[in-house]
C-alpha atoms as a PDB file:
ATOM      1  CA  MET A   1      26.065 -14.395 -55.560  1.00  0.00           C
ATOM      2  CA  GLY A   2      24.041 -11.693 -53.787  1.00  0.00           C
ATOM      3  CA  ALA A   3      25.603  -9.164 -51.430  1.00  0.00           C
ATOM      4  CA  ARG A   4      25.158  -9.917 -47.780  1.00  0.00           C
ATOM      5  CA  PRO A   5      22.655  -8.051 -46.030  1.00  0.00           C
ATOM      6  CA  SER A   6      24.042  -5.046 -43.801  1.00  0.00           C
ATOM      7  CA  ARG A   7      23.911  -5.088 -40.041  1.00  0.00           C
ATOM      8  CA  ARG A   8      21.033  -2.459 -40.225  1.00  0.00           C
ATOM      9  CA  GLN A   9      18.980  -4.732 -42.646  1.00  0.00           C
ATOM     10  CA  MET A  10      19.344  -7.538 -40.280  1.00  0.00           C
ATOM     11  CA  THR A  11      18.388  -5.581 -37.218  1.00  0.00           C
ATOM     12  CA  GLU A  12      15.146  -4.272 -39.006  1.00  0.00           C
ATOM     13  CA  ALA A  13      14.333  -7.857 -39.995  1.00  0.00           C
ATOM     14  CA  ARG A  14      14.694  -9.105 -36.690  1.00  0.00           C
ATOM     15  CA  ARG A  15      12.615  -6.185 -35.166  1.00  0.00           C
ATOM     16  CA  LEU A  16       9.833  -6.796 -37.702  1.00  0.00           C
ATOM     17  CA  ALA A  17       9.842 -10.605 -36.896  1.00  0.00           C
ATOM     18  CA  LEU A  18       9.488  -9.863 -33.129  1.00  0.00           C
ATOM     19  CA  THR A  19       6.648  -7.428 -33.586  1.00  0.00           C
ATOM     20  CA  LYS A  20       4.734 -10.034 -35.568  1.00  0.00           C
ATOM     21  CA  LEU A  21       4.828 -12.674 -32.955  1.00  0.00           C
ATOM     22  CA  PRO A  22       1.568 -13.841 -31.679  1.00  0.00           C
ATOM     23  CA  PRO A  23       0.891 -12.143 -28.244  1.00  0.00           C
ATOM     24  CA  GLU A  24       1.101 -15.567 -26.273  1.00  0.00           C
ATOM     25  CA  LEU A  25       4.604 -15.897 -27.832  1.00  0.00           C
ATOM     26  CA  LEU A  26       5.646 -12.318 -27.334  1.00  0.00           C
ATOM     27  CA  VAL A  27       4.689 -12.745 -23.657  1.00  0.00           C
ATOM     28  CA  GLN A  28       6.957 -15.778 -23.367  1.00  0.00           C
ATOM     29  CA  VAL A  29      10.017 -13.881 -24.926  1.00  0.00           C
ATOM     30  CA  LEU A  30       9.384 -10.640 -22.852  1.00  0.00           C
ATOM     31  CA  SER A  31       9.157 -12.616 -19.619  1.00  0.00           C
ATOM     32  CA  HIS A  32      12.879 -13.418 -19.968  1.00  0.00           C
ATOM     33  CA  VAL A  33      13.935  -9.684 -19.894  1.00  0.00           C
ATOM     34  CA  PRO A  34      14.916  -8.284 -16.480  1.00  0.00           C
ATOM     35  CA  PRO A  35      12.286  -6.192 -14.722  1.00  0.00           C
ATOM     36  CA  ARG A  36      13.919  -2.900 -14.942  1.00  0.00           C
ATOM     37  CA  ALA A  37      14.550  -3.315 -18.605  1.00  0.00           C
ATOM     38  CA  LEU A  38      10.975  -4.321 -19.198  1.00  0.00           C
ATOM     39  CA  VAL A  39       9.917  -0.964 -17.973  1.00  0.00           C
ATOM     40  CA  THR A  40      12.486   1.328 -19.194  1.00  0.00           C
ATOM     41  CA  ARG A  41      13.228  -0.222 -22.698  1.00  0.00           C
ATOM     42  CA  CYS A  42      10.346  -2.513 -23.707  1.00  0.00           C
ATOM     43  CA  ARG A  43       7.446  -0.802 -22.520  1.00  0.00           C
ATOM     44  CA  PRO A  44       7.960   2.553 -24.563  1.00  0.00           C
ATOM     45  CA  VAL A  45       8.353   0.508 -27.885  1.00  0.00           C
ATOM     46  CA  CYS A  46       4.576   0.456 -28.790  1.00  0.00           C
ATOM     47  CA  ARG A  47       1.131   0.279 -27.293  1.00  0.00           C
ATOM     48  CA  ALA A  48       0.927  -3.429 -27.542  1.00  0.00           C
ATOM     49  CA  TRP A  49       4.194  -3.953 -25.644  1.00  0.00           C
ATOM     50  CA  ARG A  50       3.027  -1.342 -23.092  1.00  0.00           C
ATOM     51  CA  ASP A  51      -0.210  -3.138 -22.387  1.00  0.00           C
ATOM     52  CA  LEU A  52       1.828  -6.307 -22.030  1.00  0.00           C
ATOM     53  CA  VAL A  53       4.028  -4.980 -19.496  1.00  0.00           C
ATOM     54  CA  ASP A  54       1.305  -3.203 -17.816  1.00  0.00           C
ATOM     55  CA  GLY A  55      -0.731  -6.460 -17.267  1.00  0.00           C
ATOM     56  CA  PRO A  56       0.135  -9.441 -15.103  1.00  0.00           C
ATOM     57  CA  SER A  57       0.953 -12.189 -17.341  1.00  0.00           C
ATOM     58  CA  ILE A  58       4.698 -11.530 -17.973  1.00  0.00           C
ATOM     59  CA  TRP A  59       5.224 -10.884 -14.209  1.00  0.00           C
ATOM     60  CA  LEU A  60       3.636 -14.227 -13.308  1.00  0.00           C
ATOM     61  CA  LEU A  61       5.868 -16.037 -15.691  1.00  0.00           C
ATOM     62  CA  GLN A  62       8.937 -14.447 -14.086  1.00  0.00           C
ATOM     63  CA  LEU A  63       7.752 -15.525 -10.631  1.00  0.00           C
ATOM     64  CA  ALA A  64       7.099 -19.022 -11.907  1.00  0.00           C
ATOM     65  CA  ARG A  65      10.799 -19.572 -13.028  1.00  0.00           C
ATOM     66  CA  ASP A  66      11.993 -19.269  -9.335  1.00  0.00           C
ATOM     67  CA  ARG A  67      12.100 -22.864  -8.395  1.00  0.00           C
ATOM     68  CA  SER A  68      13.375 -22.378  -4.867  1.00  0.00           C
ATOM     69  CA  ALA A  69      11.015 -23.297  -1.846  1.00  0.00           C
ATOM     70  CA  GLU A  70      10.322 -19.695  -1.312  1.00  0.00           C
ATOM     71  CA  GLY A  71       9.640 -19.067  -4.976  1.00  0.00           C
ATOM     72  CA  ARG A  72       7.264 -21.873  -5.492  1.00  0.00           C
ATOM     73  CA  ALA A  73       5.433 -20.654  -2.309  1.00  0.00           C
ATOM     74  CA  LEU A  74       5.390 -17.039  -3.485  1.00  0.00           C
ATOM     75  CA  TYR A  75       4.030 -18.128  -6.989  1.00  0.00           C
ATOM     76  CA  ALA A  76       1.322 -20.263  -5.239  1.00  0.00           C
ATOM     77  CA  LEU A  77       0.336 -17.175  -3.202  1.00  0.00           C
ATOM     78  CA  ALA A  78       0.229 -14.841  -6.293  1.00  0.00           C
ATOM     79  CA  GLN A  79      -2.280 -17.306  -7.919  1.00  0.00           C
ATOM     80  CA  ARG A  80      -4.558 -17.566  -4.806  1.00  0.00           C
ATOM     81  CA  CYS A  81      -4.388 -13.734  -4.064  1.00  0.00           C
ATOM     82  CA  PRO A  82      -4.044 -12.136  -7.533  1.00  0.00           C
ATOM     83  CA  ALA A  83      -3.530  -8.393  -7.475  1.00  0.00           C
ATOM     84  CA  ASP A  84      -6.537  -6.297  -8.355  1.00  0.00           C
ATOM     85  CA  GLY A  85      -4.668  -4.321 -10.960  1.00  0.00           C
ATOM     86  CA  ASN A  86      -5.193  -0.955  -9.139  1.00  0.00           C
ATOM     87  CA  ARG A  87      -2.582   1.645 -10.263  1.00  0.00           C
ATOM     88  CA  HIS A  88      -0.094   3.367  -7.818  1.00  0.00           C
ATOM     89  CA  GLU A  89       0.538   6.977  -8.319  1.00  0.00           C
ATOM     90  CA  GLU A  90       4.154   6.267  -8.926  1.00  0.00           C
ATOM     91  CA  PHE A  91       3.711   3.439 -11.273  1.00  0.00           C
ATOM     92  CA  PRO A  92       0.983   3.005 -14.089  1.00  0.00           C
ATOM     93  CA  PHE A  93       1.320  -0.599 -14.243  1.00  0.00           C
ATOM     94  CA  CYS A  94      -0.150  -3.522 -12.203  1.00  0.00           C
ATOM     95  CA  ALA A  95       0.780  -4.279  -8.707  1.00  0.00           C
ATOM     96  CA  LEU A  96       2.458  -7.569  -9.640  1.00  0.00           C
ATOM     97  CA  ALA A  97       5.059  -5.418 -11.771  1.00  0.00           C
ATOM     98  CA  ARG A  98       5.597  -3.244  -8.784  1.00  0.00           C
ATOM     99  CA  PHE A  99       6.357  -6.508  -6.704  1.00  0.00           C
ATOM    100  CA  CYS A 100       8.977  -7.780  -9.136  1.00  0.00           C
ATOM    101  CA  LEU A 101      10.404  -4.301  -9.638  1.00  0.00           C
ATOM    102  CA  ARG A 102      10.810  -3.547  -5.956  1.00  0.00           C
ATOM    103  CA  ALA A 103      11.574  -7.065  -4.679  1.00  0.00           C
ATOM    104  CA  PRO A 104      10.402  -6.462  -1.210  1.00  0.00           C
ATOM    105  CA  PHE A 105      11.172  -9.838   0.069  1.00  0.00           C
ATOM    106  CA  SER A 106      14.903  -9.852  -0.735  1.00  0.00           C
ATOM    107  CA  ARG A 107      15.922  -6.655   0.969  1.00  0.00           C
ATOM    108  CA  ASN A 108      15.837  -4.436   3.950  1.00  0.00           C
ATOM    109  CA  LEU A 109      12.642  -2.238   3.940  1.00  0.00           C
ATOM    110  CA  ILE A 110      14.116   0.189   6.531  1.00  0.00           C
ATOM    111  CA  HIS A 111      15.620   3.135   4.861  1.00  0.00           C
ATOM    112  CA  ASN A 112      18.986   4.396   5.990  1.00  0.00           C
ATOM    113  CA  SER A 113      19.103   1.720   8.754  1.00  0.00           C
ATOM    114  CA  CYS A 114      22.744   2.491   9.820  1.00  0.00           C
ATOM    115  CA  GLY A 115      22.674   6.274   9.675  1.00  0.00           C
ATOM    116  CA  GLU A 116      24.782   6.383   6.633  1.00  0.00           C
ATOM    117  CA  GLN A 117      22.687   9.206   5.505  1.00  0.00           C
ATOM    118  CA  GLY A 118      22.472  10.947   8.867  1.00  0.00           C
ATOM    119  CA  PHE A 119      18.646  11.005   9.995  1.00  0.00           C
ATOM    120  CA  ARG A 120      17.123  11.011   6.595  1.00  0.00           C
ATOM    121  CA  GLY A 121      13.969   8.969   6.795  1.00  0.00           C
ATOM    122  CA  TRP A 122      13.681   9.011  10.493  1.00  0.00           C
ATOM    123  CA  GLU A 123      11.569  10.763  13.013  1.00  0.00           C
ATOM    124  CA  VAL A 124      13.707  11.397  16.093  1.00  0.00           C
ATOM    125  CA  GLU A 125      13.070  12.527  19.550  1.00  0.00           C
ATOM    126  CA  HIS A 126      16.202  13.846  21.431  1.00  0.00           C
ATOM    127  CA  GLY A 127      17.038  13.381  25.151  1.00  0.00           C
ATOM    128  CA  GLY A 128      20.039  14.589  26.820  1.00  0.00           C
ATOM    129  CA  ASN A 129      22.574  15.591  24.402  1.00  0.00           C
ATOM    130  CA  GLY A 130      20.422  14.100  21.563  1.00  0.00           C
ATOM    131  CA  TRP A 131      21.147  11.560  18.925  1.00  0.00           C
ATOM    132  CA  ALA A 132      24.465  11.351  16.873  1.00  0.00           C
ATOM    133  CA  VAL A 133      25.718   9.015  14.213  1.00  0.00           C
ATOM    134  CA  GLU A 134      29.284   7.566  14.706  1.00  0.00           C
ATOM    135  CA  LYS A 135      31.399   4.752  13.244  1.00  0.00           C
ATOM    136  CA  ASN A 136      30.913   1.335  14.846  1.00  0.00           C
ATOM    137  CA  LEU A 137      33.190   0.306  17.761  1.00  0.00           C
ATOM    138  CA  THR A 138      32.819  -3.103  16.597  1.00  0.00           C
ATOM    139  CA  LEU A 139      32.216  -4.721  13.145  1.00  0.00           C
ATOM    140  CA  VAL A 140      28.764  -5.499  12.386  1.00  0.00           C
ATOM    141  CA  PRO A 141      28.585  -8.378   9.865  1.00  0.00           C
ATOM    142  CA  GLY A 142      26.478  -7.779   6.772  1.00  0.00           C
ATOM    143  CA  ALA A 143      25.696  -3.954   7.615  1.00  0.00           C
ATOM    144  CA  PRO A 144      25.366  -1.722   4.620  1.00  0.00           C
ATOM    145  CA  SER A 145      27.429   0.679   6.493  1.00  0.00           C
ATOM    146  CA  GLN A 146      29.639   0.516   9.531  1.00  0.00           C
ATOM    147  CA  THR A 147      27.902   3.582  11.173  1.00  0.00           C
ATOM    148  CA  CYS A 148      25.392   3.448  13.893  1.00  0.00           C
ATOM    149  CA  PHE A 149      22.893   5.779  15.820  1.00  0.00           C
ATOM    150  CA  VAL A 150      24.319   6.539  19.266  1.00  0.00           C
ATOM    151  CA  THR A 151      21.829   7.876  22.050  1.00  0.00           C
ATOM    152  CA  SER A 152      22.716  10.143  25.123  1.00  0.00           C
ATOM    153  CA  PHE A 153      22.235   9.852  28.900  1.00  0.00           C
ATOM    154  CA  GLU A 154      18.314  10.291  28.627  1.00  0.00           C
ATOM    155  CA  TRP A 155      15.625   8.604  26.572  1.00  0.00           C
ATOM    156  CA  CYS A 156      16.196   9.033  22.866  1.00  0.00           C
ATOM    157  CA  SER A 157      13.683   7.414  20.501  1.00  0.00           C
ATOM    158  CA  LYS A 158      13.529   7.194  16.600  1.00  0.00           C
ATOM    159  CA  ARG A 159      10.609   5.951  14.452  1.00  0.00           C
ATOM    160  CA  GLN A 160      10.099   5.085  10.789  1.00  0.00           C
ATOM    161  CA  LEU A 161       6.866   4.158   8.883  1.00  0.00           C
ATOM    162  CA  VAL A 162       7.219   1.675   6.173  1.00  0.00           C
ATOM    163  CA  ASP A 163       4.545   1.550   3.578  1.00  0.00           C
ATOM    164  CA  LEU A 164       4.360  -2.166   2.440  1.00  0.00           C
ATOM    165  CA  VAL A 165       2.304  -1.331  -0.543  1.00  0.00           C
ATOM    166  CA  LYS A 166       4.509   1.276  -1.804  1.00  0.00           C
ATOM    167  CA  GLU A 167       7.545  -1.049  -1.312  1.00  0.00           C
ATOM    168  CA  GLY A 168       5.987  -3.515  -3.611  1.00  0.00           C
ATOM    169  CA  VAL A 169       3.631  -5.830  -1.598  1.00  0.00           C
ATOM    170  CA  TRP A 170       0.198  -5.881  -3.020  1.00  0.00           C
ATOM    171  CA  GLN A 171      -2.777  -5.304  -0.727  1.00  0.00           C
ATOM    172  CA  GLU A 172      -4.471  -8.785  -1.388  1.00  0.00           C
ATOM    173  CA  LEU A 173      -1.133 -10.522  -0.364  1.00  0.00           C
ATOM    174  CA  LEU A 174      -1.036  -8.614   2.870  1.00  0.00           C
ATOM    175  CA  ASP A 175      -4.815  -9.312   3.437  1.00  0.00           C
ATOM    176  CA  SER A 176      -4.044 -13.222   3.029  1.00  0.00           C
ATOM    177  CA  GLY A 177      -2.123 -13.437   6.181  1.00  0.00           C
ATOM    178  CA  GLN A 178       0.189 -15.841   4.379  1.00  0.00           C
ATOM    179  CA  ILE A 179       3.512 -13.656   4.519  1.00  0.00           C
ATOM    180  CA  GLU A 180       5.883 -13.433   7.506  1.00  0.00           C
ATOM    181  CA  ILE A 181       7.329 -10.016   8.532  1.00  0.00           C
ATOM    182  CA  CYS A 182      10.657 -10.276  10.117  1.00  0.00           C
ATOM    183  CA  VAL A 183      12.094  -7.425  12.265  1.00  0.00           C
ATOM    184  CA  ALA A 184      15.601  -7.415  13.579  1.00  0.00           C
ATOM    185  CA  ASP A 185      18.074  -4.811  15.020  1.00  0.00           C
ATOM    186  CA  TRP A 186      21.453  -4.432  16.325  1.00  0.00           C
ATOM    187  CA  TRP A 187      22.099  -2.718  19.708  1.00  0.00           C
ATOM    188  CA  GLY A 188      24.712  -2.557  22.206  1.00  0.00           C
ATOM    189  CA  ALA A 189      26.594  -0.388  24.710  1.00  0.00           C
ATOM    190  CA  ARG A 190      29.931   1.293  25.424  1.00  0.00           C
ATOM    191  CA  GLU A 191      31.885  -0.097  28.130  1.00  0.00           C
ATOM    192  CA  ASN A 192      31.934   2.995  30.080  1.00  0.00           C
ATOM    193  CA  CYS A 193      28.328   3.489  30.187  1.00  0.00           C
ATOM    194  CA  GLY A 194      25.162   1.260  30.549  1.00  0.00           C
ATOM    195  CA  CYS A 195      22.308   0.827  27.958  1.00  0.00           C
ATOM    196  CA  ILE A 196      18.635   0.357  28.230  1.00  0.00           C
ATOM    197  CA  TYR A 197      17.061  -0.626  24.768  1.00  0.00           C
ATOM    198  CA  ARG A 198      13.400  -1.254  23.750  1.00  0.00           C
ATOM    199  CA  LEU A 199      11.941  -2.111  20.295  1.00  0.00           C
ATOM    200  CA  ARG A 200       8.385  -1.450  19.484  1.00  0.00           C
ATOM    201  CA  VAL A 201       6.689  -2.669  16.105  1.00  0.00           C
ATOM    202  CA  ARG A 202       3.106  -2.055  15.131  1.00  0.00           C
ATOM    203  CA  LEU A 203       1.432  -3.327  11.669  1.00  0.00           C
ATOM    204  CA  LEU A 204      -1.117  -0.709  10.618  1.00  0.00           C
ATOM    205  CA  ASP A 205      -4.031  -1.143   8.052  1.00  0.00           C
ATOM    206  CA  GLU A 206      -4.556   1.366   5.431  1.00  0.00           C
ATOM    207  CA  TYR A 207      -6.525   3.738   7.829  1.00  0.00           C
ATOM    208  CA  GLU A 208      -3.580   3.539  10.411  1.00  0.00           C
ATOM    209  CA  ASN A 209      -5.720   1.309  12.684  1.00  0.00           C
ATOM    210  CA  GLU A 210      -3.353  -1.138  14.633  1.00  0.00           C
ATOM    211  CA  VAL A 211      -3.650  -4.761  13.495  1.00  0.00           C
ATOM    212  CA  VAL A 212      -0.777  -6.242  15.717  1.00  0.00           C
ATOM    213  CA  LYS A 213       1.963  -5.127  17.753  1.00  0.00           C
ATOM    214  CA  PHE A 214       5.116  -6.393  19.245  1.00  0.00           C
ATOM    215  CA  SER A 215       7.694  -5.102  21.766  1.00  0.00           C
ATOM    216  CA  ALA A 216      10.895  -6.397  22.987  1.00  0.00           C
ATOM    217  CA  SER A 217      12.754  -5.124  26.403  1.00  0.00           C
ATOM    218  CA  PRO A 218      16.134  -7.036  26.550  1.00  0.00           C
ATOM    219  CA  ASN A 219      17.811  -6.851  29.948  1.00  0.00           C
ATOM    220  CA  PRO A 220      19.639  -3.636  30.407  1.00  0.00           C
ATOM    221  CA  VAL A 221      23.525  -3.743  29.876  1.00  0.00           C
ATOM    222  CA  LEU A 222      25.311  -2.416  33.059  1.00  0.00           C
ATOM    223  CA  GLN A 223      28.132  -0.042  33.170  1.00  0.00           C
ATOM    224  CA  TRP A 224      31.573  -1.666  32.912  1.00  0.00           C
ATOM    225  CA  THR A 225      30.441  -4.908  31.999  1.00  0.00           C
ATOM    226  CA  GLU A 226      30.867  -5.249  28.249  1.00  0.00           C
ATOM    227  CA  ARG A 227      31.683  -3.435  24.791  1.00  0.00           C
ATOM    228  CA  SER A 228      29.797  -5.185  22.141  1.00  0.00           C
ATOM    229  CA  CYS A 229      26.845  -5.183  19.764  1.00  0.00           C
ATOM    230  CA  ARG A 230      24.224  -7.859  19.790  1.00  0.00           C
ATOM    231  CA  GLN A 231      21.451  -8.546  17.353  1.00  0.00           C
ATOM    232  CA  GLY A 232      17.724  -8.895  18.701  1.00  0.00           C
ATOM    233  CA  LEU A 233      15.560 -11.142  16.472  1.00  0.00           C
ATOM    234  CA  PRO A 234      11.795 -10.776  17.712  1.00  0.00           C
END
């Protein structure tokens, strides 16, 4: 009877077997690896693996496995509007890989939305005593932090620019006009002071020309009438 192979020998045998797979089978295997691990662990293995991770095939297979209605629609869009493969300065691989890594359709693209990091990421204009960040007076369901931006007795405004391409949406998908951008915000007033709220949203092209705009001006909250937060869904 021969000696049993050591764990190291078995590991080496598996590694050799995997590297000898035909490219089409290797793509299938790697497509089951989570996106972050593909980039941080698989991509540095060798040049062949790097080229596969940098290309679109693995990422298309990952999109194809989402059988939800949204997943099927996105996969169909990805086939009709393929990314052109342009590299981004932050990522050396294809735009479709950036999309899978960043997952822009499953998260809030507004940074520091509740002021948990102060005013980081925001451009602010102060009026009266200026902006402040305070704890919520009432619970806001699903908020990443129970803090909020608080204005003063004169107009206060804040602004944030979201780069959709940097967040993971490739240019051809934006140009297709087949995706929906949803904007929502919570706002409210203290009981002892009124509140006037306005929301303005502008979609800009790569040259910062306005493509479309939206604004909302709900009825003001009068003093001594209520103490609550409400969600505006344009």
